[in-house]
Amino acid sequence: MAAHYLEFERPIAELEAKIEELHKLSETAGPGAFDAEIASLRERVGEMRRDAYSNLDGWQKTQIARHPQRPHFVDYMAGLIEDFIELRGDRAFADDQAMLGGIGQFRGQPVVVIGQEKGHDIATRIKHNFGMARPEGYRKATRLMDLADQFGLPVLSFIDTNGAYPGIDSEERGVAEAIARGIERCLTLGVPMVAVITGEGMSGGAIGIGAANAVLILEHSVYAVITPEGCASILLRDGALAAGAAKAMKITAQDLIKNKVVDKIIEEPLGGAHADPALAISRVGDAIEEELKALLALSPQQLKTQRAERFYAISRP
């Protein structure tokens, strides 16, 4: 797949294009003809990427969180969950493919897994509705959490959505109530729950499966009550001011951990999770394993108490 460069990565893209040109020239000039120049340019690219990714603002991180080549839920399932069995439907209306879930093994531990899937291309994005779940998606998630509680299985949730689907049909079927029930079920679970924000965690669409004992976030993911575009449209009456809104909203992982909204930042590979998906997925797995190890030692009542206290503590001095 061809590399997809973001706006702030344009100088890096230009240098990598020059490297590619030198590679092509070396095919005719002979082996090793441009090795020194290529090595020098690669070193420069590395320096530019380190500089760029160490000084990102909220809008740039939002762009990275939305990167089309960033690992999605299906990638995390493939890399972390063995013997996965998908469980479909909310037993009331339909099966929502924006919200996926089922049971499987995470590093030898039976778990229930839930996550939002955006899709990687036009066909899968349409199939998964760009990760925007309808009410039946949240009711499916609640059903899976009921199953986890019944059989004593930890819950892992992977959050990546710009919000629940806001269409008329979604509103008619009670999306707000479905999200509220999801939040309530998260908070009342007698089993450990770990949530990971892998891309965008926006609005109630994210918190509906995110009221966990531990909320982890990837280094360049974002988490907020609304998208920057939505904030700019409502408060500033101009969606084009999204970049400024993103900076003001304090939606980055670094801002969120200061305010105790998230519990841990998972370091991404240089250049973002899309630069080395396998490494990013492995690091997410390590972070989940560490959190689960501590949580599995707690009783059901201790888990409920810890979860409640965790959310009461948000933004307290």
Protein backbone atom coordinates (compact mmCIF):
# COMPACT_ATOMS: atom_id res chain seq x y z
CA MET A 1 0.00 0.00 0.00
CA ALA A 2 1.36 3.43 -0.95
CA ALA A 3 2.31 5.66 1.94
CA HIS A 4 -0.25 8.30 2.88
CA TYR A 5 1.35 11.55 4.07
CA LEU A 6 -0.36 14.13 6.25
CA GLU A 7 -0.04 17.86 5.60
CA PHE A 8 2.66 18.42 8.21
CA GLU A 9 4.63 15.50 6.75
CA ARG A 10 4.98 17.09 3.31
CA PRO A 11 8.73 17.90 3.67
CA ILE A 12 9.30 14.28 4.73
CA ALA A 13 7.33 13.06 1.70
CA GLU A 14 9.49 15.17 -0.61
CA LEU A 15 12.71 13.71 0.79
CA GLU A 16 11.39 10.15 0.59
CA ALA A 17 10.43 10.81 -3.04
CA LYS A 18 14.04 11.80 -3.70
CA ILE A 19 15.22 8.58 -2.05
CA GLU A 20 12.92 6.61 -4.32
CA GLU A 21 14.31 8.45 -7.37
CA LEU A 22 17.87 7.61 -6.33
CA HIS A 23 16.91 3.95 -5.94
CA LYS A 24 15.61 3.93 -9.51
CA LEU A 25 18.73 5.66 -10.81
CA SER A 26 20.95 3.15 -9.03
CA GLU A 27 19.32 0.35 -11.05
CA THR A 28 20.91 1.77 -14.19
CA ALA A 29 24.06 3.32 -12.68
CA GLY A 30 25.05 0.10 -10.93
CA PRO A 31 24.87 -1.32 -7.38
CA GLY A 32 26.07 1.07 -4.67
CA ALA A 33 26.23 4.12 -6.96
CA PHE A 34 24.08 6.27 -4.68
CA ASP A 35 24.33 4.40 -1.38
CA ALA A 36 26.00 7.29 0.45
CA GLU A 37 23.43 9.83 -0.76
CA ILE A 38 20.54 7.50 0.11
CA ALA A 39 21.93 6.82 3.59
CA SER A 40 22.36 10.56 4.21
CA LEU A 41 18.81 11.32 3.08
CA ARG A 42 17.37 8.51 5.22
CA GLU A 43 19.16 9.90 8.25
CA ARG A 44 17.72 13.32 7.49
CA VAL A 45 14.23 11.83 7.11
CA GLY A 46 14.57 10.19 10.52
CA GLU A 47 15.58 13.48 12.11
CA MET A 48 12.71 15.36 10.46
CA ARG A 49 10.21 12.71 11.56
CA ARG A 50 11.47 12.80 15.16
CA ASP A 51 11.23 16.60 15.18
CA ALA A 52 7.76 16.63 13.63
CA TYR A 53 6.30 13.97 15.93
CA SER A 54 7.76 15.49 19.10
CA ASN A 55 5.95 18.82 18.53
CA LEU A 56 2.43 17.89 17.49
CA ASP A 57 -0.59 20.02 18.32
CA GLY A 58 -4.14 18.81 18.91
CA TRP A 59 -5.19 19.10 15.26
CA GLN A 60 -2.14 17.26 13.96
CA LYS A 61 -2.77 14.44 16.44
CA THR A 62 -6.39 14.32 15.28
CA GLN A 63 -5.13 13.83 11.72
CA ILE A 64 -2.84 11.00 12.87
CA ALA A 65 -5.69 9.39 14.84
CA ARG A 66 -7.72 9.36 11.61
CA HIS A 67 -4.89 8.10 9.40
CA PRO A 68 -6.36 5.59 6.93
CA GLN A 69 -3.44 3.17 7.44
CA ARG A 70 -3.64 3.24 11.24
CA PRO A 71 -4.42 -0.21 12.76
CA HIS A 72 -8.14 -0.75 13.27
CA PHE A 73 -10.09 -3.10 15.53
CA VAL A 74 -9.87 -6.02 13.11
CA ASP A 75 -6.08 -5.64 13.13
CA TYR A 76 -5.92 -5.70 16.93
CA MET A 77 -8.14 -8.78 17.00
CA ALA A 78 -5.92 -10.53 14.47
CA GLY A 79 -2.77 -9.62 16.38
CA LEU A 80 -3.91 -10.13 19.98
CA ILE A 81 -6.94 -12.42 20.14
CA GLU A 82 -6.77 -16.15 19.44
CA ASP A 83 -9.72 -18.49 18.82
CA PHE A 84 -11.98 -15.48 18.29
CA ILE A 85 -15.69 -16.24 17.82
CA GLU A 86 -17.78 -13.30 16.69
CA LEU A 87 -21.17 -12.91 18.38
CA ARG A 88 -23.68 -10.92 16.37
CA GLY A 89 -26.90 -9.05 16.93
CA ASP A 90 -28.61 -7.26 19.81
CA ARG A 91 -31.45 -9.83 20.06
CA ALA A 92 -33.92 -7.03 19.43
CA PHE A 93 -33.49 -5.41 16.02
CA ALA A 94 -30.36 -6.13 13.96
CA ASP A 95 -26.63 -6.74 13.83
CA ASP A 96 -24.56 -3.55 13.65
CA GLN A 97 -21.21 -4.10 11.95
CA ALA A 98 -19.87 -0.74 13.18
CA MET A 99 -19.61 -2.45 16.58
CA LEU A 100 -17.93 -5.85 16.56
CA GLY A 101 -17.51 -8.26 19.44
CA GLY A 102 -17.19 -11.79 20.64
CA ILE A 103 -15.16 -14.15 22.79
CA GLY A 104 -11.57 -15.32 22.46
CA GLN A 105 -8.24 -15.84 24.17
CA PHE A 106 -5.93 -12.95 25.02
CA ARG A 107 -2.49 -14.38 25.83
CA GLY A 108 -4.08 -17.44 27.40
CA GLN A 109 -6.84 -15.54 29.23
CA PRO A 110 -10.45 -16.04 28.03
CA VAL A 111 -12.00 -12.63 27.37
CA VAL A 112 -14.93 -10.83 25.82
CA VAL A 113 -13.76 -8.33 23.19
CA ILE A 114 -15.73 -5.32 21.91
CA GLY A 115 -14.65 -2.64 19.47
CA GLN A 116 -15.60 -0.15 16.80
CA GLU A 117 -14.42 -0.85 13.27
CA LYS A 118 -14.09 1.93 10.69
CA GLY A 119 -13.00 -0.16 7.70
CA HIS A 120 -9.92 0.18 5.48
CA ASP A 121 -11.38 0.83 2.03
CA ILE A 122 -14.62 2.05 0.47
CA ALA A 123 -16.37 -1.32 0.66
CA THR A 124 -15.45 -2.03 4.30
CA ARG A 125 -16.09 1.56 5.39
CA ILE A 126 -19.62 1.33 4.04
CA LYS A 127 -20.06 -2.11 5.63
CA HIS A 128 -18.93 -0.81 9.03
CA ASN A 129 -20.58 2.61 8.64
CA PHE A 130 -17.24 4.35 9.24
CA GLY A 131 -17.23 3.12 12.84
CA MET A 132 -20.42 5.02 13.76
CA ALA A 133 -22.63 2.57 15.61
CA ARG A 134 -26.42 2.69 15.75
CA PRO A 135 -28.44 1.79 18.88
CA GLU A 136 -28.30 -1.91 18.07
CA GLY A 137 -24.50 -1.72 18.15
CA TYR A 138 -24.50 -0.44 21.73
CA ARG A 139 -27.18 -2.95 22.71
CA LYS A 140 -25.01 -5.70 21.26
CA ALA A 141 -22.09 -4.40 23.34
CA THR A 142 -24.28 -4.41 26.46
CA ARG A 143 -25.39 -7.97 25.69
CA LEU A 144 -21.76 -9.05 25.43
CA MET A 145 -20.95 -7.37 28.74
CA ASP A 146 -23.86 -9.25 30.32
CA LEU A 147 -22.32 -12.44 28.95
CA ALA A 148 -18.91 -11.52 30.36
CA ASP A 149 -20.38 -10.86 33.81
CA GLN A 150 -22.31 -14.13 33.75
CA PHE A 151 -19.26 -16.24 32.97
CA GLY A 152 -16.61 -14.21 34.80
CA LEU A 153 -14.71 -13.09 31.70
CA PRO A 154 -12.70 -9.83 31.56
CA VAL A 155 -13.85 -7.29 28.97
CA LEU A 156 -11.49 -5.61 26.51
CA SER A 157 -12.86 -2.69 24.51
CA PHE A 158 -11.17 -0.94 21.60
CA ILE A 159 -12.43 2.57 20.93
CA ASP A 160 -12.15 4.24 17.53
CA THR A 161 -15.11 6.36 16.45
CA ASN A 162 -15.95 9.97 15.70
CA GLY A 163 -19.29 9.39 17.40
CA ALA A 164 -22.42 7.28 17.34
CA TYR A 165 -24.43 7.44 14.12
CA PRO A 166 -26.64 10.59 14.30
CA GLY A 167 -29.18 9.69 11.59
CA ILE A 168 -32.94 9.85 12.02
CA ASP A 169 -33.28 6.05 12.18
CA SER A 170 -30.67 5.94 14.94
CA GLU A 171 -32.49 8.59 16.95
CA GLU A 172 -35.84 6.87 16.41
CA ARG A 173 -34.49 3.63 17.87
CA GLY A 174 -33.12 5.38 20.97
CA VAL A 175 -29.38 5.81 20.47
CA ALA A 176 -29.01 8.02 23.55
CA GLU A 177 -30.70 5.46 25.77
CA ALA A 178 -28.64 2.63 24.26
CA ILE A 179 -25.39 4.51 24.98
CA ALA A 180 -26.55 5.30 28.52
CA ARG A 181 -27.31 1.62 29.12
CA GLY A 182 -23.86 0.76 27.82
CA ILE A 183 -22.20 3.18 30.22
CA GLU A 184 -24.29 1.83 33.09
CA ARG A 185 -23.31 -1.75 32.24
CA CYS A 186 -19.63 -0.85 32.09
CA LEU A 187 -19.85 0.70 35.55
CA THR A 188 -21.71 -2.24 37.11
CA LEU A 189 -19.52 -5.06 35.78
CA GLY A 190 -18.17 -7.45 38.37
CA VAL A 191 -15.30 -8.41 36.07
CA PRO A 192 -12.24 -6.42 35.00
CA MET A 193 -12.66 -4.06 32.04
CA VAL A 194 -9.82 -2.42 30.12
CA ALA A 195 -10.54 0.11 27.37
CA VAL A 196 -8.01 1.27 24.78
CA ILE A 197 -8.47 4.39 22.65
CA THR A 198 -6.72 3.34 19.46
CA GLY A 199 -7.71 6.26 17.22
CA GLU A 200 -10.55 8.71 17.82
CA GLY A 201 -12.59 8.49 20.98
CA MET A 202 -15.35 10.97 20.36
CA SER A 203 -18.60 11.76 22.13
CA GLY A 204 -20.95 9.25 23.75
CA GLY A 205 -20.05 6.91 20.94
CA ALA A 206 -16.76 6.34 22.74
CA ILE A 207 -17.84 6.39 26.39
CA GLY A 208 -20.63 3.89 25.65
CA ILE A 209 -17.97 1.15 25.73
CA GLY A 210 -15.31 3.08 27.63
CA ALA A 211 -16.32 3.39 31.29
CA ALA A 212 -13.65 0.88 32.29
CA ASN A 213 -11.40 0.12 35.26
CA ALA A 214 -8.44 1.25 33.17
CA VAL A 215 -8.60 3.56 30.16
CA LEU A 216 -5.47 3.45 28.02
CA ILE A 217 -4.71 5.65 25.04
CA LEU A 218 -2.22 5.44 22.21
CA GLU A 219 0.27 8.31 22.13
CA HIS A 220 -1.28 10.04 19.10
CA SER A 221 -4.95 9.19 19.72
CA VAL A 222 -7.53 11.77 20.79
CA TYR A 223 -10.49 11.66 23.20
CA ALA A 224 -13.21 14.28 23.65
CA VAL A 225 -16.93 14.94 24.08
CA ILE A 226 -17.22 16.02 20.44
CA THR A 227 -15.09 16.17 17.30
CA PRO A 228 -13.13 19.40 16.69
CA GLU A 229 -15.32 20.06 13.64
CA GLY A 230 -18.46 19.66 15.73
CA CYS A 231 -17.11 21.93 18.45
CA ALA A 232 -16.17 24.61 15.91
CA SER A 233 -19.57 24.40 14.22
CA ILE A 234 -21.54 24.70 17.47
CA LEU A 235 -19.43 27.13 19.49
CA LEU A 236 -17.69 29.12 16.78
CA ARG A 237 -20.37 28.79 14.07
CA ASP A 238 -17.71 27.75 11.58
CA GLY A 239 -16.54 24.17 11.06
CA ALA A 240 -13.47 25.47 9.21
CA LEU A 241 -12.07 26.56 12.57
CA ALA A 242 -11.65 22.94 13.67
CA ALA A 243 -7.85 23.21 13.95
CA GLY A 244 -8.10 25.96 16.55
CA ALA A 245 -10.86 24.09 18.37
CA ALA A 246 -8.73 20.95 18.57
CA LYS A 247 -5.92 22.88 20.23
CA ALA A 248 -8.28 24.56 22.71
CA MET A 249 -10.17 21.36 23.63
CA LYS A 250 -7.13 19.63 25.22
CA ILE A 251 -7.90 16.34 23.51
CA THR A 252 -4.41 14.86 23.24
CA ALA A 253 -3.19 11.94 25.32
CA GLN A 254 -0.75 14.23 27.10
CA ASP A 255 -3.52 16.66 28.11
CA LEU A 256 -5.86 13.85 29.10
CA ILE A 257 -3.47 12.15 31.48
CA LYS A 258 -2.86 15.45 33.29
CA ASN A 259 -6.60 15.71 33.94
CA LYS A 260 -6.87 12.03 34.99
CA VAL A 261 -9.21 11.24 32.10
CA VAL A 262 -6.96 8.38 30.98
CA ASP A 263 -4.68 6.15 33.02
CA LYS A 264 -1.77 5.35 30.73
CA ILE A 265 -0.26 6.48 27.43
CA ILE A 266 0.96 3.70 25.13
CA GLU A 267 4.00 4.81 23.14
CA GLU A 268 3.62 4.58 19.37
CA PRO A 269 6.38 3.76 16.88
CA LEU A 270 8.14 6.79 15.42
CA GLY A 271 5.84 8.17 12.75
CA GLY A 272 2.68 6.87 14.41
CA ALA A 273 1.03 3.47 14.75
CA HIS A 274 0.56 3.30 10.98
CA ALA A 275 4.35 3.39 10.49
CA ASP A 276 4.76 0.00 12.21
CA PRO A 277 1.36 -1.58 12.94
CA ALA A 278 2.81 -4.84 14.28
CA LEU A 279 4.90 -3.01 16.89
CA ALA A 280 1.98 -0.77 17.86
CA ILE A 281 -0.33 -3.77 18.30
CA SER A 282 2.30 -5.59 20.39
CA ARG A 283 2.70 -2.57 22.68
CA VAL A 284 -1.07 -2.33 23.14
CA GLY A 285 -1.12 -6.02 24.07
CA ASP A 286 1.66 -5.53 26.63
CA ALA A 287 -0.18 -2.60 28.22
CA ILE A 288 -3.47 -4.53 28.42
CA GLU A 289 -1.70 -7.55 29.92
CA GLU A 290 -0.15 -5.39 32.64
CA GLU A 291 -3.48 -3.80 33.58
CA LEU A 292 -5.36 -7.12 33.54
CA LYS A 293 -2.80 -8.76 35.80
CA ALA A 294 -3.51 -6.20 38.53
CA LEU A 295 -7.28 -6.13 38.03
CA LEU A 296 -7.74 -9.90 38.09
CA ALA A 297 -6.61 -9.88 41.72
CA LEU A 298 -9.64 -7.74 42.74
CA SER A 299 -13.03 -9.02 43.85
CA PRO A 300 -16.22 -8.05 41.97
CA GLN A 301 -17.07 -5.43 44.60
CA GLN A 302 -13.53 -4.05 44.58
CA LEU A 303 -13.68 -3.74 40.79
CA LYS A 304 -16.94 -1.78 40.97
CA THR A 305 -15.58 0.48 43.69
CA GLN A 306 -12.30 1.09 41.88
CA ARG A 307 -14.16 1.92 38.67
CA ALA A 308 -16.47 4.37 40.39
CA GLU A 309 -13.62 6.10 42.23
CA ARG A 310 -11.65 6.33 39.02
CA PHE A 311 -14.37 8.36 37.32
CA TYR A 312 -15.09 10.49 40.40
CA ALA A 313 -11.43 11.51 40.38
CA ILE A 314 -11.43 12.99 36.86
CA SER A 315 -10.10 16.57 36.90
CA ARG A 316 -9.89 16.68 40.68
CA PRO A 317 -6.81 18.58 41.97
